[in-house]
Each structure stands twice: as C-alpha cells, then as structure tokens.
Amino acid sequence: MSSVLPSATRVVSGMRATGRLHLGHYHGVLKNWARLQNEYDCFFFVADWHALTTHYEDPGVIAESVRDMVIDWLAAGVDFQSATLFVQSDVPQHAELHLLLSMITPLGWLERVPTFKDQQEKLRERDLATYGFLGYPLLQSADILAYRAAFVPVGEDQVAHIELCREVARRFNYLYGREAGFLEKAEEALRIMGRKAAKAYKDLREAYLERGEKEALETARALVERQANMTLGDKERLFGYLEGHGRLILTEPQALLTPQSRMPGLDGQKMSKSYGNTIGLREDPDEVAKKIKTMPTDPARKRRTDPGNPDLCPVWPFHEIYSSEDVKAWVRNGCTTAGIGCLQCKQPVIDAVNAELAPIRERAHELERDGARVRTILAEGARRAREAADETLEDVRRAMGLAWE
C-alpha cells in the first residue's frame, strides 16, 4: 500500500501552453514558482491538454508553444534540479485519473464552476459546447490529486476550482475509503498512541465534527504525524477517522493564494497577448525601449509645459514596480510641475526593465541553442512524475475494483 503522507509538503501547478512568456507571467507566476521550489516538493507542468479545451481546432500553436514556454521557465529561475518539470500529456496517469473521477463526479458540480459560464461568455466566437471544456475543472482536479498535493498556488479567481478538487477527493474517499473493520482498526491505532494522546485526538475530532473547528482538524493531523511508533497505514486510518469516514486515499489540497501581480500592460490594462500590450521576456532591448517610449501618458499633458498627474498615467505603475523611492519622488515632482518631459520620466523604467531582462535573455538564448537539453529535462521530469502519479493510481485502481489478477 502506498501512502498519502510523503506529499504533505508537495505543491502542484501548471501553465497552459501559450508560447513565449511576458513580464506579466514573470511577476505573476514564475517569481513565485522560483520561491516555492526552495520551500516545497514542487511539480510544475505544461498543461497542453488544457490548452486543447479552447484551441482544439488549432493544435499546431500548442505544439510550438511547449518548448518556448519551458525555456522561459528555466531562464526566469525555475530550476529543474529543485522542481519536477514535465508536459502534462507525457504523463497518461492524469488522463486515467480524470476518467475514473468522471465516474463519480455529479454533472451539476461542473456546471456550477464560476469560470465555466464566464469563459463561455468571453470566448463566444469559439465552439465550446464540448465535454472537454465542461470537464476541464475535473481534469485540473486529476492533475492535482494524482500527486496527492498539499498545496496549489492559485489566484482568487481559481479558488472555486480547488474547492471542486477537494469535494471530488472527499466524495472519492467516502465511496471507496471504507475498508473492512475500519472502526476497529482506527480504535486499535488510538490505543497505540497512548491514553493521553488518544484523549487529545478524540477531543480535537469532536471539536471538528460537532463544531466545525478547522484549527482542531489541523492540530489533530499534526498530532497523528508526530506518532513515531505508528505505521503509515494506521496514520492514514486516523486521518480518515478525523473526518468521519474511512481511510484517506486522495488528499484534499489547500489553495495557496499567490500575491496578486501588479504588472500592468503597456496601455494600463492587464498585461495580455490578447490586448497586444506585452513586453516579452526575450524582447530585444531596443524593442523594449521603443515600446515604453510609445506608451500613453497622462492625457492632460498635451504639451511639454503642461503639468501632469502620475496617478492618471499608465507609466506610473511601472515606476511603482521598478523605481526606487528617490526616483519615484523625482518623477512625481517633475511631472506635477512640468519640470520633466514624459520621455525623461520613462527612461528609468526602460533601464530597469532591460536590467531585469538581461540575464533572462542570456539564459534563454543559451537554451535555444541547446534544444536537446530541454528535451532531456522534460523527459526526466515526466519519468519522475509518472512514478509519483502511479503510487496514487495504484491505490485508486484497487479501491475501485480494477486491480485484478
């Protein structure tokens, strides 16, 4: 029997295959991944199957995007030696678990995911009346549950997807986690803990089940994990007993809320390829300068001698990200008094952005020249991911009566 315990510090996150990345991706996702890889056991994957849910009629874009995206990950500081990097479709266990979970997931759960109707409205020009589009939150759940992840880094808009994932795991455990003699085995595991620890466990279980105290649940889990004289199987039974059902087979992940990216686009909107307002991570320095120099500014500054208001200027948020307090004070004073022109205001931003991108560009160009290296990294990552996911699938198959001899 495999165990859910080793995944207690595991993080899983994916990114749809969209091609080369920009500063919005860097500040919104990649910097966070580079931090998490040093704190957790991280699995980061290119979600090429997810890309098919909205771009199934143009798969060539997806195939071309995978390598470019991974090069940008590596160039931005995501380390294949610290995290497992792979392509979703190279790990068929995701698809198998998705299929098996589809057998038990009520249709209504998928239809009520908030982003389902939102995306249908935003992408009305596409034919999204497919199961793939309806079922992508369940595939996302399989991506996470296959690795028994403890945490999933998401923004506020994705929390509903994590809640669906938790509900699916809870339903699976309720249906299939009831082994014969479970209650007797759980009571025996409590005796192994000793009288004092067992009483603390029971009090915490009661506080959670009867009064809904989530802190009691976490404290009880920590108490179980500290038991050095207990088998993994007994620990799993006590984890399951805490929530009133059988042995835990799938782990309910927690949303790890990511800091909201403050990186705006060149026009003040969210930075997005669809808006044509991006600065790519591999953008040429001269092109970066050209894009920033042509950014719109405070419309009140029609002439060089007109004073402006930085708070109404799309360039100011760039200063808030890239400029020191002294530079920001210089900009605010110079703008409001017409002491500096807009091009002077933009130059510190140009210099700072190019300084940030210089090492990323250099690493990306090295990787572009060594295509075999990227393929090797992804192949090794897929191998490790398949091994980890197979531990989960082994238990799932057995629980669902599919492990026959």
Protein backbone atom coordinates (compact mmCIF):
# COMPACT_ATOMS: atom_id res chain seq x y z
CA MET A 1 0.00 0.00 0.00
CA SER A 2 1.34 3.45 -0.92
CA SER A 3 0.96 6.38 1.44
CA VAL A 4 -0.50 9.86 1.28
CA LEU A 5 1.94 11.14 3.89
CA PRO A 6 5.03 11.94 1.78
CA SER A 7 3.05 14.58 -0.12
CA ALA A 8 2.49 16.78 2.94
CA THR A 9 4.82 19.44 1.51
CA ARG A 10 4.05 18.88 -2.16
CA VAL A 11 2.95 21.70 -4.47
CA VAL A 12 1.47 21.20 -7.96
CA SER A 13 0.94 23.93 -10.53
CA GLY A 14 0.51 24.08 -14.29
CA MET A 15 0.51 26.65 -17.06
CA ARG A 16 -1.40 26.37 -20.32
CA ALA A 17 0.80 26.12 -23.40
CA THR A 18 0.63 29.63 -24.85
CA GLY A 19 4.13 30.17 -26.25
CA ARG A 20 6.74 32.69 -25.16
CA LEU A 21 6.03 34.42 -21.87
CA HIS A 22 6.00 38.08 -20.87
CA LEU A 23 6.57 40.23 -17.79
CA GLY A 24 3.04 39.54 -16.57
CA HIS A 25 3.84 35.82 -16.37
CA TYR A 26 7.17 36.56 -14.71
CA HIS A 27 5.77 38.72 -11.93
CA GLY A 28 2.51 36.80 -11.60
CA VAL A 29 3.73 33.19 -11.66
CA LEU A 30 7.40 32.48 -12.32
CA LYS A 31 8.90 34.51 -9.47
CA ASN A 32 6.52 32.72 -7.11
CA TRP A 33 7.47 29.30 -8.54
CA ALA A 34 11.16 30.11 -8.09
CA ARG A 35 10.46 30.84 -4.42
CA LEU A 36 8.22 27.83 -3.82
CA GLN A 37 10.73 25.37 -5.32
CA ASN A 38 13.07 26.09 -2.41
CA GLU A 39 10.35 25.54 0.21
CA TYR A 40 8.28 22.63 -1.15
CA ASP A 41 8.43 19.49 -3.29
CA CYS A 42 7.20 21.15 -6.48
CA PHE A 43 5.71 19.64 -9.65
CA PHE A 44 5.33 22.21 -12.45
CA PHE A 45 3.83 21.14 -15.77
CA VAL A 46 2.91 22.46 -19.21
CA ALA A 47 -0.85 21.97 -19.45
CA ASP A 48 -1.09 21.05 -23.13
CA TRP A 49 -4.30 19.04 -22.71
CA HIS A 50 -5.90 22.06 -21.03
CA ALA A 51 -4.89 24.20 -23.99
CA LEU A 52 -6.89 21.85 -26.22
CA THR A 53 -10.10 22.65 -24.33
CA THR A 54 -10.26 26.05 -26.04
CA HIS A 55 -7.88 25.64 -29.00
CA TYR A 56 -8.65 22.12 -30.20
CA GLU A 57 -9.07 23.33 -33.79
CA ASP A 58 -5.53 24.80 -33.92
CA PRO A 59 -3.22 22.27 -32.19
CA GLY A 60 -0.14 23.47 -34.05
CA VAL A 61 0.00 26.50 -31.77
CA ILE A 62 0.16 24.21 -28.74
CA ALA A 63 2.95 22.01 -30.11
CA GLU A 64 5.08 25.03 -30.93
CA SER A 65 4.47 26.59 -27.54
CA VAL A 66 5.75 23.86 -25.23
CA ARG A 67 9.48 24.26 -25.82
CA ASP A 68 9.31 28.08 -25.84
CA MET A 69 7.42 28.11 -22.56
CA VAL A 70 9.82 25.78 -20.76
CA ILE A 71 12.82 27.77 -22.00
CA ASP A 72 11.27 30.87 -20.41
CA TRP A 73 10.63 28.97 -17.16
CA LEU A 74 14.25 27.90 -16.92
CA ALA A 75 15.58 31.30 -17.96
CA ALA A 76 13.43 33.01 -15.31
CA GLY A 77 14.87 30.91 -12.48
CA VAL A 78 12.72 27.78 -12.27
CA ASP A 79 15.29 25.05 -11.55
CA PHE A 80 14.76 21.53 -12.91
CA GLN A 81 17.02 20.21 -10.13
CA SER A 82 14.81 21.75 -7.43
CA ALA A 83 11.43 21.06 -9.04
CA THR A 84 9.96 18.41 -11.34
CA LEU A 85 9.16 19.91 -14.76
CA PHE A 86 7.13 17.99 -17.33
CA VAL A 87 4.49 18.12 -20.04
CA GLN A 88 1.01 17.02 -18.99
CA SER A 89 0.42 14.71 -21.95
CA ASP A 90 3.67 12.84 -21.20
CA VAL A 91 2.04 11.52 -18.00
CA PRO A 92 -1.01 9.45 -19.05
CA GLN A 93 -1.93 8.90 -15.40
CA HIS A 94 -3.56 12.37 -15.48
CA ALA A 95 -5.97 11.14 -18.16
CA GLU A 96 -6.66 7.85 -16.42
CA LEU A 97 -7.45 9.51 -13.11
CA HIS A 98 -9.62 12.07 -14.91
CA LEU A 99 -11.62 9.22 -16.46
CA LEU A 100 -12.03 7.39 -13.16
CA LEU A 101 -13.07 10.54 -11.31
CA SER A 102 -15.61 11.32 -14.03
CA MET A 103 -17.46 8.16 -12.99
CA ILE A 104 -18.30 9.64 -9.57
CA THR A 105 -18.49 13.41 -10.22
CA PRO A 106 -22.03 14.85 -10.46
CA LEU A 107 -22.62 16.86 -13.64
CA GLY A 108 -24.00 19.75 -11.62
CA TRP A 109 -20.67 20.21 -9.84
CA LEU A 110 -19.01 21.04 -13.16
CA GLU A 111 -21.81 23.28 -14.40
CA ARG A 112 -21.67 25.46 -11.31
CA VAL A 113 -17.93 26.25 -11.51
CA PRO A 114 -17.99 30.07 -11.92
CA THR A 115 -15.42 30.20 -14.70
CA PHE A 116 -17.47 27.82 -16.88
CA LYS A 117 -20.08 30.41 -17.83
CA ASP A 118 -17.60 33.29 -17.63
CA GLN A 119 -15.31 31.71 -20.20
CA GLN A 120 -18.21 30.76 -22.45
CA GLU A 121 -19.24 34.42 -22.47
CA LYS A 122 -15.72 35.74 -23.10
CA LEU A 123 -14.99 33.20 -25.84
CA ARG A 124 -18.30 33.30 -27.66
CA GLU A 125 -16.54 33.19 -31.02
CA ARG A 126 -15.35 29.64 -30.24
CA ASP A 127 -17.46 26.48 -30.21
CA LEU A 128 -17.11 25.44 -26.58
CA ALA A 129 -20.09 23.09 -26.40
CA THR A 130 -17.75 20.15 -25.72
CA TYR A 131 -17.22 17.79 -22.82
CA GLY A 132 -13.56 18.81 -22.78
CA PHE A 133 -14.48 22.38 -21.92
CA LEU A 134 -17.12 21.37 -19.38
CA GLY A 135 -14.79 18.80 -17.81
CA TYR A 136 -11.59 20.81 -17.66
CA PRO A 137 -12.02 21.60 -13.93
CA LEU A 138 -12.18 17.84 -13.30
CA LEU A 139 -9.04 17.28 -15.37
CA GLN A 140 -7.48 20.04 -13.28
CA SER A 141 -8.54 18.10 -10.17
CA ALA A 142 -6.90 14.97 -11.57
CA ASP A 143 -3.69 16.96 -12.22
CA ILE A 144 -3.57 17.81 -8.52
CA LEU A 145 -4.93 14.63 -6.92
CA ALA A 146 -2.58 12.40 -8.93
CA TYR A 147 0.30 13.76 -6.80
CA ARG A 148 -1.59 14.00 -3.51
CA ALA A 149 -0.52 17.62 -3.35
CA ALA A 150 -0.89 19.53 -0.11
CA PHE A 151 -0.98 22.95 -1.77
CA VAL A 152 -1.87 24.53 -5.12
CA PRO A 153 -0.75 28.12 -5.78
CA VAL A 154 -3.70 29.98 -7.28
CA GLY A 155 -5.17 33.45 -7.58
CA GLU A 156 -8.52 34.39 -6.04
CA ASP A 157 -10.30 33.58 -9.31
CA GLN A 158 -9.19 29.93 -9.17
CA VAL A 159 -10.20 29.13 -5.57
CA ALA A 160 -13.50 27.62 -6.78
CA HIS A 161 -11.52 25.07 -8.80
CA ILE A 162 -9.60 23.99 -5.70
CA GLU A 163 -12.84 23.66 -3.76
CA LEU A 164 -14.19 21.38 -6.51
CA CYS A 165 -10.99 19.33 -6.26
CA ARG A 166 -11.48 18.99 -2.51
CA GLU A 167 -15.11 17.93 -2.97
CA VAL A 168 -14.12 15.29 -5.53
CA ALA A 169 -11.43 13.90 -3.20
CA ARG A 170 -13.88 13.89 -0.28
CA ARG A 171 -16.53 12.05 -2.32
CA PHE A 172 -13.98 9.51 -3.55
CA ASN A 173 -12.75 8.81 -0.02
CA TYR A 174 -16.32 8.50 1.21
CA LEU A 175 -17.22 5.99 -1.51
CA TYR A 176 -14.04 3.91 -1.55
CA GLY A 177 -12.12 4.55 1.64
CA ARG A 178 -14.18 2.21 3.81
CA GLU A 179 -12.10 -0.86 4.40
CA ALA A 180 -13.47 -3.87 6.28
CA GLY A 181 -13.18 -3.41 10.04
CA PHE A 182 -12.19 0.24 9.68
CA LEU A 183 -13.60 1.44 13.01
CA GLU A 184 -11.96 -1.39 14.93
CA LYS A 185 -8.62 -0.69 13.25
CA ALA A 186 -8.92 3.04 13.98
CA GLU A 187 -9.63 2.31 17.66
CA GLU A 188 -6.62 -0.02 17.79
CA ALA A 189 -4.46 2.76 16.29
CA LEU A 190 -5.70 5.08 19.05
CA ARG A 191 -4.57 2.58 21.70
CA ILE A 192 -1.11 2.61 20.14
CA MET A 193 -0.97 6.39 20.63
CA GLY A 194 -1.30 6.06 24.37
CA ARG A 195 -4.03 7.30 26.72
CA LYS A 196 -3.05 11.00 26.84
CA ALA A 197 -2.51 11.46 23.09
CA ALA A 198 -5.64 9.43 22.27
CA LYS A 199 -7.79 11.64 24.52
CA ALA A 200 -6.37 14.77 22.86
CA TYR A 201 -7.13 13.26 19.45
CA LYS A 202 -10.73 12.43 20.41
CA ASP A 203 -11.34 15.91 21.83
CA LEU A 204 -9.99 17.53 18.66
CA ARG A 205 -12.05 15.18 16.46
CA GLU A 206 -15.18 16.11 18.39
CA ALA A 207 -14.38 19.82 18.08
CA TYR A 208 -14.09 19.48 14.31
CA LEU A 209 -17.01 17.12 13.61
CA GLU A 210 -19.50 18.69 16.03
CA ARG A 211 -18.47 22.36 15.98
CA GLY A 212 -16.63 22.65 12.65
CA GLU A 213 -13.40 23.97 14.16
CA LYS A 214 -10.89 23.70 11.32
CA GLU A 215 -7.97 24.55 13.60
CA ALA A 216 -8.83 21.45 15.63
CA LEU A 217 -8.59 19.35 12.46
CA GLU A 218 -5.12 20.68 11.64
CA THR A 219 -3.93 20.21 15.24
CA ALA A 220 -5.18 16.63 15.26
CA ARG A 221 -3.44 15.87 11.98
CA ALA A 222 -0.19 17.23 13.37
CA LEU A 223 -0.65 15.10 16.48
CA VAL A 224 -1.01 11.96 14.35
CA GLU A 225 2.03 12.81 12.21
CA ARG A 226 4.19 13.06 15.36
CA GLN A 227 3.47 9.44 16.36
CA ALA A 228 6.80 7.71 15.77
CA ASN A 229 5.61 4.23 16.82
CA MET A 230 2.73 4.03 14.35
CA THR A 231 2.62 2.51 10.86
CA LEU A 232 1.73 4.63 7.84
CA GLY A 233 -1.44 2.59 7.39
CA ASP A 234 -2.61 3.38 10.93
CA LYS A 235 -1.82 7.06 10.45
CA GLU A 236 -3.90 7.14 7.28
CA ARG A 237 -6.81 5.49 9.12
CA LEU A 238 -6.66 8.13 11.84
CA PHE A 239 -6.54 10.89 9.23
CA GLY A 240 -9.70 9.44 7.69
CA TYR A 241 -11.36 8.89 11.07
CA LEU A 242 -10.87 12.58 11.87
CA GLU A 243 -13.35 13.48 9.14
CA GLY A 244 -15.79 10.71 9.93
CA HIS A 245 -15.14 8.36 7.03
CA GLY A 246 -12.69 5.68 6.05
CA ARG A 247 -9.02 5.63 5.11
CA LEU A 248 -7.89 8.61 3.04
CA ILE A 249 -6.93 7.58 -0.49
CA LEU A 250 -6.92 11.01 -2.11
CA THR A 251 -5.58 14.08 -0.32
CA GLU A 252 -7.67 17.26 -0.16
CA PRO A 253 -5.36 20.09 -1.27
CA GLN A 254 -5.31 23.61 0.12
CA ALA A 255 -5.27 26.73 -2.03
CA LEU A 256 -2.01 28.61 -1.62
CA LEU A 257 -3.09 32.13 -2.54
CA THR A 258 -0.48 33.85 -4.67
CA PRO A 259 0.28 37.55 -4.34
CA GLN A 260 -1.68 39.44 -6.99
CA SER A 261 0.59 40.56 -9.81
CA ARG A 262 0.90 44.32 -10.03
CA MET A 263 2.42 44.10 -13.52
CA PRO A 264 0.26 46.18 -15.87
CA GLY A 265 0.28 46.17 -19.63
CA LEU A 266 1.68 48.96 -21.77
CA ASP A 267 -1.79 50.52 -22.02
CA GLY A 268 -2.65 50.28 -18.31
CA GLN A 269 -4.84 47.18 -18.69
CA LYS A 270 -3.78 43.71 -17.51
CA MET A 271 -0.74 42.56 -19.48
CA SER A 272 -2.06 40.04 -22.01
CA LYS A 273 -1.20 38.85 -25.50
CA SER A 274 -4.84 39.29 -26.49
CA TYR A 275 -4.54 43.01 -25.71
CA GLY A 276 -1.24 43.40 -27.58
CA ASN A 277 0.27 45.23 -24.60
CA THR A 278 3.09 42.93 -23.50
CA ILE A 279 6.84 43.02 -23.04
CA GLY A 280 8.27 39.57 -23.73
CA LEU A 281 10.91 38.02 -21.50
CA ARG A 282 13.20 37.70 -24.53
CA GLU A 283 12.33 41.08 -26.02
CA ASP A 284 15.26 42.88 -27.67
CA PRO A 285 16.49 45.86 -25.54
CA ASP A 286 15.80 48.32 -28.36
CA GLU A 287 12.28 46.95 -28.78
CA VAL A 288 11.68 47.28 -25.02
CA ALA A 289 12.80 50.91 -25.21
CA LYS A 290 10.58 51.57 -28.23
CA LYS A 291 7.51 50.04 -26.58
CA ILE A 292 7.93 52.00 -23.34
CA LYS A 293 8.71 55.27 -25.15
CA THR A 294 5.43 55.00 -27.07
CA MET A 295 3.31 54.21 -24.01
CA PRO A 296 0.38 56.57 -23.49
CA THR A 297 0.75 59.06 -20.64
CA ASP A 298 -1.49 61.44 -18.70
CA PRO A 299 -3.83 62.88 -21.39
CA ALA A 300 -3.72 66.25 -19.60
CA ARG A 301 -0.07 66.70 -20.71
CA LYS A 302 -0.70 67.77 -24.27
CA ARG A 303 2.42 69.95 -24.28
CA ARG A 304 5.79 69.61 -22.57
CA THR A 305 4.98 72.62 -20.38
CA ASP A 306 1.67 71.19 -19.13
CA PRO A 307 1.80 69.71 -15.60
CA GLY A 308 0.53 66.15 -15.20
CA ASN A 309 -0.73 63.70 -12.61
CA PRO A 310 1.31 60.45 -12.25
CA ASP A 311 -1.70 58.67 -10.76
CA LEU A 312 -3.50 59.03 -14.11
CA CYS A 313 -0.52 57.89 -16.18
CA PRO A 314 -0.05 54.24 -17.31
CA VAL A 315 3.72 54.65 -16.82
CA TRP A 316 3.43 55.30 -13.07
CA PRO A 317 2.58 51.66 -12.11
CA PHE A 318 5.86 50.65 -13.81
CA HIS A 319 7.69 53.10 -11.55
CA GLU A 320 5.95 51.57 -8.54
CA ILE A 321 7.39 48.18 -9.50
CA TYR A 322 10.83 49.13 -10.79
CA SER A 323 11.88 52.51 -9.33
CA SER A 324 13.46 53.44 -6.01
CA GLU A 325 11.77 55.90 -3.66
CA ASP A 326 14.15 58.63 -4.79
CA VAL A 327 13.32 58.08 -8.45
CA LYS A 328 9.59 57.99 -7.73
CA ALA A 329 9.85 61.27 -5.81
CA TRP A 330 11.74 62.80 -8.76
CA VAL A 331 9.10 61.61 -11.21
CA ARG A 332 6.16 62.84 -9.13
CA ASN A 333 7.71 66.26 -8.57
CA GLY A 334 8.87 66.62 -12.18
CA CYS A 335 5.51 65.52 -13.64
CA THR A 336 3.28 67.69 -11.45
CA THR A 337 5.42 70.77 -12.05
CA ALA A 338 6.19 70.08 -15.73
CA GLY A 339 9.83 70.00 -14.73
CA ILE A 340 10.49 66.87 -16.78
CA GLY A 341 9.03 65.54 -20.00
CA CYS A 342 7.37 62.18 -20.50
CA LEU A 343 10.39 60.67 -22.26
CA GLN A 344 12.60 61.66 -19.31
CA CYS A 345 10.07 60.03 -16.98
CA LYS A 346 10.15 56.80 -18.97
CA GLN A 347 13.94 56.38 -19.17
CA PRO A 348 14.43 54.95 -15.64
CA VAL A 349 11.72 52.37 -16.40
CA ILE A 350 13.42 51.40 -19.68
CA ASP A 351 16.75 50.97 -17.88
CA ALA A 352 15.23 48.93 -15.03
CA VAL A 353 13.20 46.61 -17.26
CA ASN A 354 16.17 45.91 -19.51
CA ALA A 355 18.38 45.28 -16.47
CA GLU A 356 15.84 42.72 -15.18
CA LEU A 357 15.50 41.03 -18.56
CA ALA A 358 19.22 40.92 -19.45
CA PRO A 359 20.10 37.70 -17.53
CA ILE A 360 16.80 36.08 -18.59
CA ARG A 361 17.53 36.82 -22.25
CA GLU A 362 21.05 35.44 -21.94
CA ARG A 363 19.94 32.16 -20.33
CA ALA A 364 17.10 31.78 -22.84
CA HIS A 365 19.43 32.21 -25.80
CA GLU A 366 21.76 29.54 -24.39
CA LEU A 367 18.83 27.14 -24.09
CA GLU A 368 17.62 27.96 -27.60
CA ARG A 369 20.99 26.81 -28.92
CA ASP A 370 20.79 23.56 -26.94
CA GLY A 371 17.42 22.03 -27.80
CA ALA A 372 18.44 18.57 -26.58
CA ARG A 373 18.87 19.89 -23.05
CA VAL A 374 15.25 21.00 -22.79
CA ARG A 375 14.02 17.65 -24.15
CA THR A 376 16.17 15.80 -21.60
CA ILE A 377 14.88 17.92 -18.71
CA LEU A 378 11.25 17.28 -19.70
CA ALA A 379 11.81 13.56 -20.27
CA GLU A 380 13.39 13.13 -16.83
CA GLY A 381 10.65 15.23 -15.24
CA ALA A 382 7.96 13.12 -16.90
CA ARG A 383 9.62 9.95 -15.63
CA ARG A 384 9.59 11.24 -12.04
CA ALA A 385 6.01 12.49 -12.42
CA ARG A 386 4.80 9.12 -13.73
CA GLU A 387 6.40 7.33 -10.78
CA ALA A 388 4.74 9.68 -8.28
CA ALA A 389 1.34 9.54 -10.01
CA ASP A 390 1.46 5.75 -10.29
CA GLU A 391 1.60 5.47 -6.49
CA THR A 392 -1.77 7.22 -6.35
CA LEU A 393 -3.28 5.33 -9.29
CA GLU A 394 -2.31 2.02 -7.71
CA ASP A 395 -4.48 2.82 -4.69
CA VAL A 396 -7.29 4.29 -6.80
CA ARG A 397 -7.47 1.25 -9.10
CA ARG A 398 -7.53 -1.10 -6.14
CA ALA A 399 -10.23 0.92 -4.37
CA MET A 400 -12.40 0.92 -7.49
CA GLY A 401 -12.05 -2.81 -8.07
CA LEU A 402 -9.72 -2.53 -11.07
CA ALA A 403 -6.62 -4.18 -9.61
CA TRP A 404 -7.49 -7.75 -10.54
CA GLU A 405 -5.11 -10.65 -11.15
